[in-house]
């Protein structure tokens, strides 16, 4: 069996920036174990699998080690591939996740904008478990559906973070979002997910479902600009819609290839 696979840099205006994701457009679902093996072989932060289902597309996301509930950059990348190679008419794609429900992507020129559910988060104590792995001390901590979010004083704090990944991996969460006010944008962030097979994710769309409502309420504005400060970096446009958030960015195709799988 042969499958076509695309690799896309999401939240990127040029290749080698943003967050790479692999996209497989399928006629029917593969076995879960096979999709996990493909994601492990790709060794990217996420591999997305997409199956057409009437007027929408069902989507699932796998890191090299686990299936995840939600992934922004791979959904953005999947929309980019469907618009470019999937014969999609119009400027909107409706995805559906069996774990996260309906997810939309709109196109305006080269800008692709995700419409995702807003995360529900609440403050939690700054315990040694949360603060110990980091060389800078956060001022606030929150727990969302899948992640912890640590809020620091400054962009310099976020740039300087050197987490001890083994200790981060011991925290019971998908990952840790680190964030602070930005100097040239509204806020900056980084994302650490060693428990999910990703030490540092370059640009994490799903983390912005937590970041956007927090910063919108703190800054008193509904439209924000953000940068994720990984080594690859990525710019994100943000809109707070209360129960939903919009997360926008560009994408670039890096590679198109074929996967060869045994028929039995």
C-alpha atoms as a PDB file:
ATOM      1  CA  UNK A   1       0.000   0.000   0.000  1.00  0.00           C
ATOM      2  CA  UNK A   2       1.271   3.456  -0.909  1.00  0.00           C
ATOM      3  CA  UNK A   3       0.210   6.670   0.820  1.00  0.00           C
ATOM      4  CA  UNK A   4       0.972  10.235  -0.186  1.00  0.00           C
ATOM      5  CA  UNK A   5       2.352  12.359   2.640  1.00  0.00           C
ATOM      6  CA  UNK A   6       3.037  16.075   2.784  1.00  0.00           C
ATOM      7  CA  UNK A   7       5.270  17.974   5.189  1.00  0.00           C
ATOM      8  CA  UNK A   8       4.261  21.565   5.877  1.00  0.00           C
ATOM      9  CA  UNK A   9       5.793  24.314   7.995  1.00  0.00           C
ATOM     10  CA  UNK A  10       2.834  25.879   9.824  1.00  0.00           C
ATOM     11  CA  UNK A  11       2.751  29.375  11.318  1.00  0.00           C
ATOM     12  CA  UNK A  12       5.561  30.119   8.890  1.00  0.00           C
ATOM     13  CA  UNK A  13       6.098  32.616   6.084  1.00  0.00           C
ATOM     14  CA  UNK A  14       9.093  30.651   4.809  1.00  0.00           C
ATOM     15  CA  UNK A  15      10.359  27.085   5.138  1.00  0.00           C
ATOM     16  CA  UNK A  16      12.585  26.140   8.073  1.00  0.00           C
ATOM     17  CA  UNK A  17      10.525  28.341  10.387  1.00  0.00           C
ATOM     18  CA  UNK A  18       7.274  27.724  12.258  1.00  0.00           C
ATOM     19  CA  UNK A  19       6.280  24.182  13.186  1.00  0.00           C
ATOM     20  CA  UNK A  20       6.633  21.230  10.788  1.00  0.00           C
ATOM     21  CA  UNK A  21       3.756  18.755  10.527  1.00  0.00           C
ATOM     22  CA  UNK A  22       3.173  15.710   8.358  1.00  0.00           C
ATOM     23  CA  UNK A  23      -0.217  15.331   6.664  1.00  0.00           C
ATOM     24  CA  UNK A  24      -1.730  12.108   5.308  1.00  0.00           C
ATOM     25  CA  UNK A  25      -5.001  12.336   3.357  1.00  0.00           C
ATOM     26  CA  UNK A  26      -6.716   8.946   3.651  1.00  0.00           C
ATOM     27  CA  UNK A  27      -9.691   7.315   1.932  1.00  0.00           C
ATOM     28  CA  UNK A  28     -10.399   5.353   5.136  1.00  0.00           C
ATOM     29  CA  UNK A  29      -8.904   5.191   8.612  1.00  0.00           C
ATOM     30  CA  UNK A  30      -5.868   3.015   9.184  1.00  0.00           C
ATOM     31  CA  UNK A  31      -5.441   0.969  12.336  1.00  0.00           C
ATOM     32  CA  UNK A  32      -4.543   3.153  15.307  1.00  0.00           C
ATOM     33  CA  UNK A  33      -1.298   1.247  15.824  1.00  0.00           C
ATOM     34  CA  UNK A  34      -0.255   1.845  12.215  1.00  0.00           C
ATOM     35  CA  UNK A  35      -0.965   5.590  12.426  1.00  0.00           C
ATOM     36  CA  UNK A  36       1.097   5.706  15.604  1.00  0.00           C
ATOM     37  CA  UNK A  37       3.954   3.871  13.897  1.00  0.00           C
ATOM     38  CA  UNK A  38       3.883   6.321  10.972  1.00  0.00           C
ATOM     39  CA  UNK A  39       4.015   9.246  13.392  1.00  0.00           C
ATOM     40  CA  UNK A  40       6.904   7.619  15.263  1.00  0.00           C
ATOM     41  CA  UNK A  41       8.760   7.049  11.984  1.00  0.00           C
ATOM     42  CA  UNK A  42       8.206  10.696  10.946  1.00  0.00           C
ATOM     43  CA  UNK A  43       9.540  11.866  14.326  1.00  0.00           C
ATOM     44  CA  UNK A  44       7.841  15.251  13.960  1.00  0.00           C
ATOM     45  CA  UNK A  45       5.881  16.982  16.694  1.00  0.00           C
ATOM     46  CA  UNK A  46       2.635  15.932  14.965  1.00  0.00           C
ATOM     47  CA  UNK A  47       1.402  13.796  12.107  1.00  0.00           C
ATOM     48  CA  UNK A  48      -2.210  14.504  11.123  1.00  0.00           C
ATOM     49  CA  UNK A  49      -4.473  11.982   9.394  1.00  0.00           C
ATOM     50  CA  UNK A  50      -7.524  13.262   7.516  1.00  0.00           C
ATOM     51  CA  UNK A  51     -10.545  11.423   6.078  1.00  0.00           C
ATOM     52  CA  UNK A  52     -13.322  13.127   4.080  1.00  0.00           C
ATOM     53  CA  UNK A  53     -16.749  12.676   5.666  1.00  0.00           C
ATOM     54  CA  UNK A  54     -19.508  14.312   3.620  1.00  0.00           C
ATOM     55  CA  UNK A  55     -19.037  18.082   3.724  1.00  0.00           C
ATOM     56  CA  UNK A  56     -16.443  17.943   6.483  1.00  0.00           C
ATOM     57  CA  UNK A  57     -13.105  16.295   7.182  1.00  0.00           C
ATOM     58  CA  UNK A  58     -12.425  14.103  10.192  1.00  0.00           C
ATOM     59  CA  UNK A  59      -8.957  14.653  11.662  1.00  0.00           C
ATOM     60  CA  UNK A  60      -6.704  12.948  14.196  1.00  0.00           C
ATOM     61  CA  UNK A  61      -3.238  13.908  15.453  1.00  0.00           C
ATOM     62  CA  UNK A  62      -0.330  11.777  16.677  1.00  0.00           C
ATOM     63  CA  UNK A  63       2.980  12.742  18.247  1.00  0.00           C
ATOM     64  CA  UNK A  64       5.797  10.169  17.990  1.00  0.00           C
ATOM     65  CA  UNK A  65       4.435   8.523  21.158  1.00  0.00           C
ATOM     66  CA  UNK A  66       0.719   9.312  21.674  1.00  0.00           C
ATOM     67  CA  UNK A  67      -2.524  10.473  20.063  1.00  0.00           C
ATOM     68  CA  UNK A  68      -3.462  13.956  21.313  1.00  0.00           C
ATOM     69  CA  UNK A  69      -6.798  15.679  21.885  1.00  0.00           C
ATOM     70  CA  UNK A  70      -6.069  18.797  19.839  1.00  0.00           C
ATOM     71  CA  UNK A  71      -3.312  20.164  17.612  1.00  0.00           C
ATOM     72  CA  UNK A  72      -3.413  23.596  16.034  1.00  0.00           C
ATOM     73  CA  UNK A  73      -0.394  23.672  13.754  1.00  0.00           C
ATOM     74  CA  UNK A  74      -1.150  20.292  12.151  1.00  0.00           C
ATOM     75  CA  UNK A  75      -4.774  21.360  11.562  1.00  0.00           C
ATOM     76  CA  UNK A  76      -3.504  24.538   9.907  1.00  0.00           C
ATOM     77  CA  UNK A  77      -1.129  22.419   7.812  1.00  0.00           C
ATOM     78  CA  UNK A  78      -3.930  19.992   6.866  1.00  0.00           C
ATOM     79  CA  UNK A  79      -6.114  22.878   5.699  1.00  0.00           C
ATOM     80  CA  UNK A  80      -3.227  24.241   3.639  1.00  0.00           C
ATOM     81  CA  UNK A  81      -2.862  20.860   1.887  1.00  0.00           C
ATOM     82  CA  UNK A  82      -6.606  20.473   1.300  1.00  0.00           C
ATOM     83  CA  UNK A  83      -6.858  23.974  -0.180  1.00  0.00           C
ATOM     84  CA  UNK A  84      -3.835  23.358  -2.404  1.00  0.00           C
ATOM     85  CA  UNK A  85      -4.177  19.690  -3.376  1.00  0.00           C
ATOM     86  CA  UNK A  86      -7.550  18.471  -2.091  1.00  0.00           C
ATOM     87  CA  UNK A  87      -9.862  20.189  -4.547  1.00  0.00           C
ATOM     88  CA  UNK A  88     -11.604  22.227  -1.854  1.00  0.00           C
ATOM     89  CA  UNK A  89     -13.893  24.953  -3.206  1.00  0.00           C
ATOM     90  CA  UNK A  90     -14.408  28.145  -1.246  1.00  0.00           C
ATOM     91  CA  UNK A  91     -12.420  29.584   1.616  1.00  0.00           C
ATOM     92  CA  UNK A  92     -13.522  27.479   4.579  1.00  0.00           C
ATOM     93  CA  UNK A  93     -12.887  23.926   5.727  1.00  0.00           C
ATOM     94  CA  UNK A  94     -14.841  22.234   8.503  1.00  0.00           C
ATOM     95  CA  UNK A  95     -12.889  19.631  10.431  1.00  0.00           C
ATOM     96  CA  UNK A  96     -14.223  17.371  13.142  1.00  0.00           C
ATOM     97  CA  UNK A  97     -12.245  15.685  15.907  1.00  0.00           C
ATOM     98  CA  UNK A  98     -13.733  12.819  17.891  1.00  0.00           C
ATOM     99  CA  UNK A  99     -11.893  14.274  20.899  1.00  0.00           C
ATOM    100  CA  UNK A 100     -12.399  18.033  20.444  1.00  0.00           C
ATOM    101  CA  UNK A 101     -15.508  18.459  18.296  1.00  0.00           C
ATOM    102  CA  UNK A 102     -15.959  20.905  15.378  1.00  0.00           C
ATOM    103  CA  UNK A 103     -12.923  22.890  14.221  1.00  0.00           C
ATOM    104  CA  UNK A 104     -12.988  25.436  11.394  1.00  0.00           C
ATOM    105  CA  UNK A 105     -10.271  26.903   9.182  1.00  0.00           C
ATOM    106  CA  UNK A 106     -10.878  30.013   7.063  1.00  0.00           C
ATOM    107  CA  UNK A 107      -8.652  31.317   4.250  1.00  0.00           C
ATOM    108  CA  UNK A 108      -8.073  34.981   3.452  1.00  0.00           C
ATOM    109  CA  UNK A 109      -5.305  35.242   0.887  1.00  0.00           C
ATOM    110  CA  UNK A 110      -2.352  33.371   2.382  1.00  0.00           C
ATOM    111  CA  UNK A 111      -3.576  33.727   5.961  1.00  0.00           C
ATOM    112  CA  UNK A 112      -5.240  30.641   7.440  1.00  0.00           C
ATOM    113  CA  UNK A 113      -7.238  31.091  10.637  1.00  0.00           C
ATOM    114  CA  UNK A 114      -8.240  28.306  12.998  1.00  0.00           C
ATOM    115  CA  UNK A 115     -11.510  28.523  14.931  1.00  0.00           C
ATOM    116  CA  UNK A 116     -11.055  26.440  18.090  1.00  0.00           C
ATOM    117  CA  UNK A 117     -12.914  26.066  21.397  1.00  0.00           C
ATOM    118  CA  UNK A 118     -11.583  28.234  24.222  1.00  0.00           C
ATOM    119  CA  UNK A 119      -9.820  26.277  26.931  1.00  0.00           C
ATOM    120  CA  UNK A 120     -11.212  26.275  30.459  1.00  0.00           C
ATOM    121  CA  UNK A 121      -8.445  26.988  32.945  1.00  0.00           C
ATOM    122  CA  UNK A 122      -8.190  27.879  36.614  1.00  0.00           C
ATOM    123  CA  UNK A 123      -5.446  29.159  38.949  1.00  0.00           C
ATOM    124  CA  UNK A 124      -3.375  26.607  40.848  1.00  0.00           C
ATOM    125  CA  UNK A 125      -0.658  26.967  43.525  1.00  0.00           C
ATOM    126  CA  UNK A 126       2.959  27.489  42.506  1.00  0.00           C
ATOM    127  CA  UNK A 127       4.116  24.144  43.819  1.00  0.00           C
ATOM    128  CA  UNK A 128       7.746  22.938  43.772  1.00  0.00           C
ATOM    129  CA  UNK A 129       6.656  20.364  41.172  1.00  0.00           C
ATOM    130  CA  UNK A 130       5.740  23.198  38.763  1.00  0.00           C
ATOM    131  CA  UNK A 131       8.493  25.696  39.553  1.00  0.00           C
ATOM    132  CA  UNK A 132      11.384  23.306  40.254  1.00  0.00           C
ATOM    133  CA  UNK A 133      12.196  22.317  36.641  1.00  0.00           C
ATOM    134  CA  UNK A 134      12.779  25.939  35.581  1.00  0.00           C
ATOM    135  CA  UNK A 135      15.679  28.354  36.070  1.00  0.00           C
ATOM    136  CA  UNK A 136      13.316  31.347  36.299  1.00  0.00           C
ATOM    137  CA  UNK A 137      10.478  31.715  38.805  1.00  0.00           C
ATOM    138  CA  UNK A 138       6.916  32.168  37.463  1.00  0.00           C
ATOM    139  CA  UNK A 139       4.483  34.554  39.138  1.00  0.00           C
ATOM    140  CA  UNK A 140       1.244  32.652  38.403  1.00  0.00           C
ATOM    141  CA  UNK A 141       0.189  29.132  37.465  1.00  0.00           C
ATOM    142  CA  UNK A 142      -2.976  27.824  35.801  1.00  0.00           C
ATOM    143  CA  UNK A 143      -4.321  24.420  34.865  1.00  0.00           C
ATOM    144  CA  UNK A 144      -6.214  23.930  31.601  1.00  0.00           C
ATOM    145  CA  UNK A 145      -7.801  20.842  30.089  1.00  0.00           C
ATOM    146  CA  UNK A 146      -4.480  19.270  29.116  1.00  0.00           C
ATOM    147  CA  UNK A 147      -1.682  21.701  30.040  1.00  0.00           C
ATOM    148  CA  UNK A 148      -0.303  23.834  32.834  1.00  0.00           C
ATOM    149  CA  UNK A 149       0.403  27.495  32.033  1.00  0.00           C
ATOM    150  CA  UNK A 150       3.126  29.399  33.905  1.00  0.00           C
ATOM    151  CA  UNK A 151       3.131  33.186  33.686  1.00  0.00           C
ATOM    152  CA  UNK A 152       6.465  35.010  33.994  1.00  0.00           C
ATOM    153  CA  UNK A 153       7.375  38.683  34.318  1.00  0.00           C
ATOM    154  CA  UNK A 154       9.104  39.380  31.022  1.00  0.00           C
ATOM    155  CA  UNK A 155      10.001  38.225  27.538  1.00  0.00           C
ATOM    156  CA  UNK A 156      13.606  37.901  28.752  1.00  0.00           C
ATOM    157  CA  UNK A 157      12.424  35.282  31.249  1.00  0.00           C
ATOM    158  CA  UNK A 158      10.834  33.224  28.478  1.00  0.00           C
ATOM    159  CA  UNK A 159      13.912  33.450  26.249  1.00  0.00           C
ATOM    160  CA  UNK A 160      16.192  32.410  29.108  1.00  0.00           C
ATOM    161  CA  UNK A 161      14.240  29.329  30.207  1.00  0.00           C
ATOM    162  CA  UNK A 162      16.291  26.132  30.356  1.00  0.00           C
ATOM    163  CA  UNK A 163      13.900  23.506  31.702  1.00  0.00           C
ATOM    164  CA  UNK A 164      15.124  20.184  33.046  1.00  0.00           C
ATOM    165  CA  UNK A 165      13.104  17.985  30.732  1.00  0.00           C
ATOM    166  CA  UNK A 166      13.077  14.867  32.905  1.00  0.00           C
ATOM    167  CA  UNK A 167      11.426  16.843  35.698  1.00  0.00           C
ATOM    168  CA  UNK A 168       8.987  18.478  33.268  1.00  0.00           C
ATOM    169  CA  UNK A 169       8.045  15.033  31.942  1.00  0.00           C
ATOM    170  CA  UNK A 170       7.131  13.917  35.474  1.00  0.00           C
ATOM    171  CA  UNK A 171       4.375  16.574  35.685  1.00  0.00           C
ATOM    172  CA  UNK A 172       0.967  15.018  35.004  1.00  0.00           C
ATOM    173  CA  UNK A 173       0.004  17.033  31.916  1.00  0.00           C
ATOM    174  CA  UNK A 174       0.363  17.016  28.155  1.00  0.00           C
ATOM    175  CA  UNK A 175       2.815  19.918  28.489  1.00  0.00           C
ATOM    176  CA  UNK A 176       3.796  23.203  30.086  1.00  0.00           C
ATOM    177  CA  UNK A 177       3.040  26.584  28.512  1.00  0.00           C
ATOM    178  CA  UNK A 178       5.407  29.380  29.568  1.00  0.00           C
ATOM    179  CA  UNK A 179       4.271  32.927  28.772  1.00  0.00           C
ATOM    180  CA  UNK A 180       4.961  36.597  29.496  1.00  0.00           C
ATOM    181  CA  UNK A 181       4.200  40.053  28.067  1.00  0.00           C
ATOM    182  CA  UNK A 182       6.034  40.739  24.821  1.00  0.00           C
ATOM    183  CA  UNK A 183       8.189  43.741  23.984  1.00  0.00           C
ATOM    184  CA  UNK A 184       6.960  44.085  20.381  1.00  0.00           C
ATOM    185  CA  UNK A 185       3.827  41.896  20.523  1.00  0.00           C
ATOM    186  CA  UNK A 186       1.116  41.439  23.125  1.00  0.00           C
ATOM    187  CA  UNK A 187       2.535  38.217  24.519  1.00  0.00           C
ATOM    188  CA  UNK A 188       5.197  35.593  23.925  1.00  0.00           C
ATOM    189  CA  UNK A 189       5.306  31.924  24.832  1.00  0.00           C
ATOM    190  CA  UNK A 190       7.147  28.618  24.691  1.00  0.00           C
ATOM    191  CA  UNK A 191       5.769  25.083  25.041  1.00  0.00           C
ATOM    192  CA  UNK A 192       7.474  22.074  26.617  1.00  0.00           C
ATOM    193  CA  UNK A 193       5.950  18.603  26.172  1.00  0.00           C
ATOM    194  CA  UNK A 194       8.474  15.849  26.934  1.00  0.00           C
ATOM    195  CA  UNK A 195       5.726  13.652  28.425  1.00  0.00           C
ATOM    196  CA  UNK A 196       4.112  13.669  24.955  1.00  0.00           C
ATOM    197  CA  UNK A 197       7.347  12.962  23.090  1.00  0.00           C
ATOM    198  CA  UNK A 198       8.172  16.615  22.271  1.00  0.00           C
ATOM    199  CA  UNK A 199      10.798  18.368  24.408  1.00  0.00           C
ATOM    200  CA  UNK A 200       9.972  21.797  22.942  1.00  0.00           C
ATOM    201  CA  UNK A 201       7.248  22.338  20.370  1.00  0.00           C
ATOM    202  CA  UNK A 202       8.185  25.129  17.913  1.00  0.00           C
ATOM    203  CA  UNK A 203       4.724  26.755  17.567  1.00  0.00           C
ATOM    204  CA  UNK A 204       1.764  25.327  19.462  1.00  0.00           C
ATOM    205  CA  UNK A 205      -1.610  26.371  18.082  1.00  0.00           C
ATOM    206  CA  UNK A 206      -3.610  24.479  20.716  1.00  0.00           C
ATOM    207  CA  UNK A 207      -1.754  26.227  23.549  1.00  0.00           C
ATOM    208  CA  UNK A 208      -3.222  29.478  22.282  1.00  0.00           C
ATOM    209  CA  UNK A 209      -6.685  28.278  23.302  1.00  0.00           C
ATOM    210  CA  UNK A 210      -5.407  28.937  26.834  1.00  0.00           C
ATOM    211  CA  UNK A 211      -3.114  31.866  26.075  1.00  0.00           C
ATOM    212  CA  UNK A 212      -5.644  33.961  24.143  1.00  0.00           C
ATOM    213  CA  UNK A 213      -8.386  34.161  26.819  1.00  0.00           C
ATOM    214  CA  UNK A 214      -5.804  34.805  29.546  1.00  0.00           C
ATOM    215  CA  UNK A 215      -4.109  37.674  27.725  1.00  0.00           C
ATOM    216  CA  UNK A 216      -7.348  39.079  26.293  1.00  0.00           C
ATOM    217  CA  UNK A 217      -8.732  39.421  29.813  1.00  0.00           C
ATOM    218  CA  UNK A 218      -5.467  40.703  31.281  1.00  0.00           C
ATOM    219  CA  UNK A 219      -4.888  43.297  28.551  1.00  0.00           C
ATOM    220  CA  UNK A 220      -8.556  44.194  27.971  1.00  0.00           C
ATOM    221  CA  UNK A 221      -8.502  43.570  24.220  1.00  0.00           C
ATOM    222  CA  UNK A 222      -9.873  40.915  21.903  1.00  0.00           C
ATOM    223  CA  UNK A 223      -7.343  41.080  19.052  1.00  0.00           C
ATOM    224  CA  UNK A 224      -3.754  40.277  19.911  1.00  0.00           C
ATOM    225  CA  UNK A 225      -0.417  39.538  18.270  1.00  0.00           C
ATOM    226  CA  UNK A 226       1.823  36.804  19.605  1.00  0.00           C
ATOM    227  CA  UNK A 227       5.163  35.109  18.960  1.00  0.00           C
ATOM    228  CA  UNK A 228       6.286  31.680  20.134  1.00  0.00           C
ATOM    229  CA  UNK A 229       9.952  31.991  20.995  1.00  0.00           C
ATOM    230  CA  UNK A 230      11.312  28.596  19.947  1.00  0.00           C
ATOM    231  CA  UNK A 231      14.477  28.437  17.853  1.00  0.00           C
ATOM    232  CA  UNK A 232      12.276  28.284  14.719  1.00  0.00           C
ATOM    233  CA  UNK A 233       9.852  30.994  15.978  1.00  0.00           C
ATOM    234  CA  UNK A 234       6.339  31.578  14.733  1.00  0.00           C
ATOM    235  CA  UNK A 235       3.983  34.550  14.546  1.00  0.00           C
ATOM    236  CA  UNK A 236       0.353  34.061  15.556  1.00  0.00           C
ATOM    237  CA  UNK A 237      -2.632  36.381  15.102  1.00  0.00           C
ATOM    238  CA  UNK A 238      -5.204  35.963  17.864  1.00  0.00           C
ATOM    239  CA  UNK A 239      -8.860  36.863  18.367  1.00  0.00           C
ATOM    240  CA  UNK A 240     -10.870  36.173  21.525  1.00  0.00           C
ATOM    241  CA  UNK A 241     -14.521  35.258  20.882  1.00  0.00           C
ATOM    242  CA  UNK A 242     -15.319  34.152  24.453  1.00  0.00           C
ATOM    243  CA  UNK A 243     -16.337  30.516  23.859  1.00  0.00           C
ATOM    244  CA  UNK A 244     -14.114  30.268  20.757  1.00  0.00           C
ATOM    245  CA  UNK A 245     -10.758  31.665  19.702  1.00  0.00           C
ATOM    246  CA  UNK A 246      -9.272  32.407  16.290  1.00  0.00           C
ATOM    247  CA  UNK A 247      -5.621  31.505  15.730  1.00  0.00           C
ATOM    248  CA  UNK A 248      -4.087  32.690  12.467  1.00  0.00           C
ATOM    249  CA  UNK A 249      -0.876  32.059  10.567  1.00  0.00           C
ATOM    250  CA  UNK A 250       0.720  31.209   7.248  1.00  0.00           C
ATOM    251  CA  UNK A 251       2.034  27.885   5.962  1.00  0.00           C
ATOM    252  CA  UNK A 252       4.633  26.664   3.494  1.00  0.00           C
ATOM    253  CA  UNK A 253       5.006  23.303   1.756  1.00  0.00           C
ATOM    254  CA  UNK A 254       8.374  21.671   2.417  1.00  0.00           C
ATOM    255  CA  UNK A 255       7.965  18.169   0.992  1.00  0.00           C
ATOM    256  CA  UNK A 256       5.641  15.792  -0.828  1.00  0.00           C
ATOM    257  CA  UNK A 257       6.448  12.098  -0.804  1.00  0.00           C
ATOM    258  CA  UNK A 258       5.165   8.534  -0.599  1.00  0.00           C
ATOM    259  CA  UNK A 259       4.951   6.058   2.237  1.00  0.00           C
ATOM    260  CA  UNK A 260       5.301   2.373   1.315  1.00  0.00           C
ATOM    261  CA  UNK A 261       3.445   0.022   3.640  1.00  0.00           C
ATOM    262  CA  UNK A 262       3.042  -3.765   3.573  1.00  0.00           C
ATOM    263  CA  UNK A 263      -0.286  -4.973   2.167  1.00  0.00           C
ATOM    264  CA  UNK A 264      -0.856  -7.577   4.862  1.00  0.00           C
END
